C-alpha atoms as a PDB file:
ATOM      1  CA  UNK A   1       5.271 -17.247 -15.988  1.00  0.00           C
ATOM      2  CA  UNK A   2       1.878 -17.175 -15.560  1.00  0.00           C
ATOM      3  CA  UNK A   3      -0.499 -14.508 -15.824  1.00  0.00           C
ATOM      4  CA  UNK A   4      -4.314 -14.137 -15.171  1.00  0.00           C
ATOM      5  CA  UNK A   5      -6.901 -11.239 -15.862  1.00  0.00           C
ATOM      6  CA  UNK A   6      -9.533 -10.329 -13.825  1.00  0.00           C
ATOM      7  CA  UNK A   7     -12.374  -7.846 -13.572  1.00  0.00           C
ATOM      8  CA  UNK A   8     -11.847  -5.087 -10.776  1.00  0.00           C
ATOM      9  CA  UNK A   9     -13.872  -1.641 -10.202  1.00  0.00           C
ATOM     10  CA  UNK A  10     -11.270  -0.138 -11.615  1.00  0.00           C
ATOM     11  CA  UNK A  11     -11.329  -2.233 -14.912  1.00  0.00           C
ATOM     12  CA  UNK A  12      -9.332  -5.324 -15.872  1.00  0.00           C
ATOM     13  CA  UNK A  13      -6.261  -6.252 -14.138  1.00  0.00           C
ATOM     14  CA  UNK A  14      -3.643  -8.613 -15.213  1.00  0.00           C
ATOM     15  CA  UNK A  15      -1.529 -10.175 -12.574  1.00  0.00           C
ATOM     16  CA  UNK A  16       1.587 -12.241 -13.630  1.00  0.00           C
ATOM     17  CA  UNK A  17       4.136 -14.374 -11.694  1.00  0.00           C
ATOM     18  CA  UNK A  18       7.078 -16.450 -11.793  1.00  0.00           C
ATOM     19  CA  UNK A  19       6.295 -19.856  -9.899  1.00  0.00           C
ATOM     20  CA  UNK A  20       8.004 -18.089  -6.540  1.00  0.00           C
ATOM     21  CA  UNK A  21       6.851 -14.163  -6.303  1.00  0.00           C
ATOM     22  CA  UNK A  22       4.455 -11.650  -8.426  1.00  0.00           C
ATOM     23  CA  UNK A  23       6.533  -9.798 -11.441  1.00  0.00           C
ATOM     24  CA  UNK A  24       3.330  -7.674 -12.716  1.00  0.00           C
ATOM     25  CA  UNK A  25       0.373  -6.444 -11.808  1.00  0.00           C
ATOM     26  CA  UNK A  26      -0.759  -4.323 -15.313  1.00  0.00           C
ATOM     27  CA  UNK A  27      -3.809  -2.791 -16.734  1.00  0.00           C
ATOM     28  CA  UNK A  28      -2.574  -4.083 -20.012  1.00  0.00           C
ATOM     29  CA  UNK A  29      -2.473  -7.841 -21.333  1.00  0.00           C
ATOM     30  CA  UNK A  30       1.089  -9.433 -20.785  1.00  0.00           C
ATOM     31  CA  UNK A  31       2.702 -12.405 -22.851  1.00  0.00           C
ATOM     32  CA  UNK A  32       2.769 -15.472 -20.727  1.00  0.00           C
ATOM     33  CA  UNK A  33       0.861 -18.326 -20.467  1.00  0.00           C
ATOM     34  CA  UNK A  34      -2.668 -17.933 -18.987  1.00  0.00           C
ATOM     35  CA  UNK A  35      -3.165 -19.941 -15.472  1.00  0.00           C
ATOM     36  CA  UNK A  36      -4.911 -18.831 -12.710  1.00  0.00           C
ATOM     37  CA  UNK A  37      -2.253 -20.146  -9.873  1.00  0.00           C
ATOM     38  CA  UNK A  38      -2.441 -19.998  -6.345  1.00  0.00           C
ATOM     39  CA  UNK A  39      -0.579 -17.134  -5.674  1.00  0.00           C
ATOM     40  CA  UNK A  40      -2.163 -15.197  -8.356  1.00  0.00           C
ATOM     41  CA  UNK A  41      -5.424 -16.082  -6.680  1.00  0.00           C
ATOM     42  CA  UNK A  42      -4.246 -14.980  -3.521  1.00  0.00           C
ATOM     43  CA  UNK A  43      -3.064 -11.666  -5.163  1.00  0.00           C
ATOM     44  CA  UNK A  44      -6.340 -10.933  -6.542  1.00  0.00           C
ATOM     45  CA  UNK A  45      -7.924 -11.938  -3.020  1.00  0.00           C
ATOM     46  CA  UNK A  46      -5.808  -9.015  -1.441  1.00  0.00           C
ATOM     47  CA  UNK A  47      -6.397  -6.614  -4.286  1.00  0.00           C
ATOM     48  CA  UNK A  48     -10.243  -7.351  -3.946  1.00  0.00           C
ATOM     49  CA  UNK A  49     -10.094  -6.593  -0.321  1.00  0.00           C
ATOM     50  CA  UNK A  50      -8.396  -3.595  -1.050  1.00  0.00           C
ATOM     51  CA  UNK A  51     -11.260  -2.282  -3.457  1.00  0.00           C
ATOM     52  CA  UNK A  52     -13.456  -3.472  -0.625  1.00  0.00           C
ATOM     53  CA  UNK A  53     -11.666  -0.859   1.786  1.00  0.00           C
ATOM     54  CA  UNK A  54     -10.536  -3.579   4.325  1.00  0.00           C
ATOM     55  CA  UNK A  55      -6.990  -4.193   3.366  1.00  0.00           C
ATOM     56  CA  UNK A  56      -4.158  -1.529   3.339  1.00  0.00           C
ATOM     57  CA  UNK A  57      -1.140  -3.138   3.414  1.00  0.00           C
ATOM     58  CA  UNK A  58      -0.455  -6.215   1.041  1.00  0.00           C
ATOM     59  CA  UNK A  59       1.292  -9.456   1.621  1.00  0.00           C
ATOM     60  CA  UNK A  60       2.376 -11.161  -1.344  1.00  0.00           C
ATOM     61  CA  UNK A  61       6.007 -11.975  -2.455  1.00  0.00           C
ATOM     62  CA  UNK A  62       6.930  -9.470  -5.073  1.00  0.00           C
ATOM     63  CA  UNK A  63      10.071  -9.714  -7.586  1.00  0.00           C
ATOM     64  CA  UNK A  64      11.245  -6.535  -9.266  1.00  0.00           C
ATOM     65  CA  UNK A  65      12.886  -6.218 -12.799  1.00  0.00           C
ATOM     66  CA  UNK A  66      14.123  -3.042 -13.743  1.00  0.00           C
ATOM     67  CA  UNK A  67      17.119  -0.723 -13.370  1.00  0.00           C
ATOM     68  CA  UNK A  68      18.616  -0.251  -9.969  1.00  0.00           C
ATOM     69  CA  UNK A  69      17.411   3.411  -9.797  1.00  0.00           C
ATOM     70  CA  UNK A  70      13.931   2.114 -10.796  1.00  0.00           C
ATOM     71  CA  UNK A  71      14.102  -0.315  -8.265  1.00  0.00           C
ATOM     72  CA  UNK A  72      15.275   2.123  -5.756  1.00  0.00           C
ATOM     73  CA  UNK A  73      12.265   4.647  -6.656  1.00  0.00           C
ATOM     74  CA  UNK A  74       9.774   1.851  -6.499  1.00  0.00           C
ATOM     75  CA  UNK A  75      11.011   0.559  -2.983  1.00  0.00           C
ATOM     76  CA  UNK A  76      10.340   4.371  -1.734  1.00  0.00           C
ATOM     77  CA  UNK A  77       6.839   4.375  -3.315  1.00  0.00           C
ATOM     78  CA  UNK A  78       6.131   1.455  -0.919  1.00  0.00           C
ATOM     79  CA  UNK A  79       6.544   3.910   2.167  1.00  0.00           C
ATOM     80  CA  UNK A  80       4.062   6.322   1.140  1.00  0.00           C
ATOM     81  CA  UNK A  81       1.252   5.031   3.495  1.00  0.00           C
ATOM     82  CA  UNK A  82      -2.514   4.039   2.545  1.00  0.00           C
ATOM     83  CA  UNK A  83      -4.786   7.209   1.955  1.00  0.00           C
ATOM     84  CA  UNK A  84      -1.744   9.440   1.810  1.00  0.00           C
ATOM     85  CA  UNK A  85      -0.010  11.171  -1.412  1.00  0.00           C
ATOM     86  CA  UNK A  86       3.569  12.337  -1.800  1.00  0.00           C
ATOM     87  CA  UNK A  87       5.338  14.258  -4.562  1.00  0.00           C
ATOM     88  CA  UNK A  88       7.790  13.197  -7.035  1.00  0.00           C
ATOM     89  CA  UNK A  89      10.185  15.548  -5.436  1.00  0.00           C
ATOM     90  CA  UNK A  90       9.607  13.802  -1.953  1.00  0.00           C
ATOM     91  CA  UNK A  91      10.225  10.274  -3.524  1.00  0.00           C
ATOM     92  CA  UNK A  92      13.557  12.164  -4.860  1.00  0.00           C
ATOM     93  CA  UNK A  93      14.488  13.056  -1.163  1.00  0.00           C
ATOM     94  CA  UNK A  94      13.471   9.660   0.214  1.00  0.00           C
ATOM     95  CA  UNK A  95      16.392   8.100  -2.421  1.00  0.00           C
ATOM     96  CA  UNK A  96      18.891  10.831  -1.818  1.00  0.00           C
ATOM     97  CA  UNK A  97      18.814  12.475  -4.811  1.00  0.00           C
ATOM     98  CA  UNK A  98      16.472  15.568  -4.426  1.00  0.00           C
ATOM     99  CA  UNK A  99      17.136  16.799  -7.981  1.00  0.00           C
ATOM    100  CA  UNK A 100      15.884  13.544  -9.478  1.00  0.00           C
ATOM    101  CA  UNK A 101      12.132  14.397  -9.743  1.00  0.00           C
ATOM    102  CA  UNK A 102      11.989  14.092 -13.398  1.00  0.00           C
ATOM    103  CA  UNK A 103      14.170  10.699 -13.428  1.00  0.00           C
ATOM    104  CA  UNK A 104      11.653   9.359 -10.279  1.00  0.00           C
ATOM    105  CA  UNK A 105       8.728  10.278 -12.437  1.00  0.00           C
ATOM    106  CA  UNK A 106      10.221   8.205 -15.277  1.00  0.00           C
ATOM    107  CA  UNK A 107      10.919   5.386 -12.895  1.00  0.00           C
ATOM    108  CA  UNK A 108       7.056   5.586 -11.593  1.00  0.00           C
ATOM    109  CA  UNK A 109       5.868   5.432 -15.055  1.00  0.00           C
ATOM    110  CA  UNK A 110       7.408   1.929 -15.373  1.00  0.00           C
ATOM    111  CA  UNK A 111       6.428   0.735 -12.176  1.00  0.00           C
ATOM    112  CA  UNK A 112       5.387  -3.357 -13.227  1.00  0.00           C
ATOM    113  CA  UNK A 113       3.679  -3.755 -10.095  1.00  0.00           C
ATOM    114  CA  UNK A 114       0.556  -1.184  -9.569  1.00  0.00           C
ATOM    115  CA  UNK A 115      -1.487  -0.781  -6.563  1.00  0.00           C
ATOM    116  CA  UNK A 116       0.709  -2.945  -4.481  1.00  0.00           C
ATOM    117  CA  UNK A 117       3.724  -0.351  -5.585  1.00  0.00           C
ATOM    118  CA  UNK A 118       1.262   2.479  -5.005  1.00  0.00           C
ATOM    119  CA  UNK A 119       2.724   4.745  -7.767  1.00  0.00           C
ATOM    120  CA  UNK A 120      -0.907   5.916  -7.990  1.00  0.00           C
ATOM    121  CA  UNK A 121      -0.126   7.887  -4.485  1.00  0.00           C
ATOM    122  CA  UNK A 122       2.534  10.301  -6.353  1.00  0.00           C
ATOM    123  CA  UNK A 123       1.336  13.619  -7.332  1.00  0.00           C
ATOM    124  CA  UNK A 124       2.656  16.969  -8.802  1.00  0.00           C
ATOM    125  CA  UNK A 125       4.184  19.255  -5.865  1.00  0.00           C
ATOM    126  CA  UNK A 126       1.611  21.508  -6.422  1.00  0.00           C
ATOM    127  CA  UNK A 127      -0.906  18.727  -5.633  1.00  0.00           C
ATOM    128  CA  UNK A 128      -2.341  18.021  -8.891  1.00  0.00           C
ATOM    129  CA  UNK A 129      -2.873  14.997 -10.290  1.00  0.00           C
ATOM    130  CA  UNK A 130      -0.178  13.932 -13.057  1.00  0.00           C
ATOM    131  CA  UNK A 131       0.289  10.628 -15.596  1.00  0.00           C
ATOM    132  CA  UNK A 132      -0.942   7.486 -14.469  1.00  0.00           C
ATOM    133  CA  UNK A 133      -0.574   4.296 -16.561  1.00  0.00           C
ATOM    134  CA  UNK A 134      -4.297   3.357 -15.915  1.00  0.00           C
ATOM    135  CA  UNK A 135      -5.420   7.337 -16.499  1.00  0.00           C
ATOM    136  CA  UNK A 136      -5.957   9.820 -14.270  1.00  0.00           C
ATOM    137  CA  UNK A 137      -9.724   9.043 -13.608  1.00  0.00           C
ATOM    138  CA  UNK A 138      -8.441   5.712 -12.125  1.00  0.00           C
ATOM    139  CA  UNK A 139      -5.722   7.306 -10.226  1.00  0.00           C
ATOM    140  CA  UNK A 140      -8.350   9.900  -8.820  1.00  0.00           C
ATOM    141  CA  UNK A 141     -10.748   6.738  -8.329  1.00  0.00           C
ATOM    142  CA  UNK A 142      -7.810   5.015  -6.146  1.00  0.00           C
ATOM    143  CA  UNK A 143      -6.890   7.940  -4.083  1.00  0.00           C
ATOM    144  CA  UNK A 144     -10.563   8.848  -3.417  1.00  0.00           C
ATOM    145  CA  UNK A 145     -11.273   4.947  -2.499  1.00  0.00           C
ATOM    146  CA  UNK A 146      -8.393   4.896   0.396  1.00  0.00           C
ATOM    147  CA  UNK A 147      -9.034   8.468   1.422  1.00  0.00           C
ATOM    148  CA  UNK A 148     -12.908   7.296   2.012  1.00  0.00           C
ATOM    149  CA  UNK A 149     -11.943   4.057   3.717  1.00  0.00           C
ATOM    150  CA  UNK A 150      -8.708   5.439   5.779  1.00  0.00           C
ATOM    151  CA  UNK A 151     -11.080   6.722   8.814  1.00  0.00           C
ATOM    152  CA  UNK A 152     -13.196   3.319   9.281  1.00  0.00           C
ATOM    153  CA  UNK A 153      -9.998   1.124   8.647  1.00  0.00           C
ATOM    154  CA  UNK A 154      -7.564   2.756  11.248  1.00  0.00           C
ATOM    155  CA  UNK A 155     -10.374   2.765  14.044  1.00  0.00           C
END
């Protein structure tokens, strides 16, 4: 396992991989060997393009580690389009368990691959911003970035 940390417009982000796929993108330092591999560089390049407003999807191999429920939630998060938001209840419906809003929130909180698995796009049913690993300010910045670039990218 390798990791490398980059400065981005929203602060430091650490990217980790296991020689075949990205396993983590985090605001926290991880506990792997430090090495800037080709896959980590490619991931950072795509994230940089995202921050510049020229990328809305990612072409990075991911390997998710979590409970079957968490993985189901994380896969559902990937269906929320760039520039859009969904509620925890919306995600609960997508996974077929409408009453699992709170459990969806807990799984969202454990998302190991920020931005690419867009947990920042999940908001409260009343439209309010709710918890985010990087803090609500960063969540707001990401949503604002996507909203302001959506029109230009989709021309």
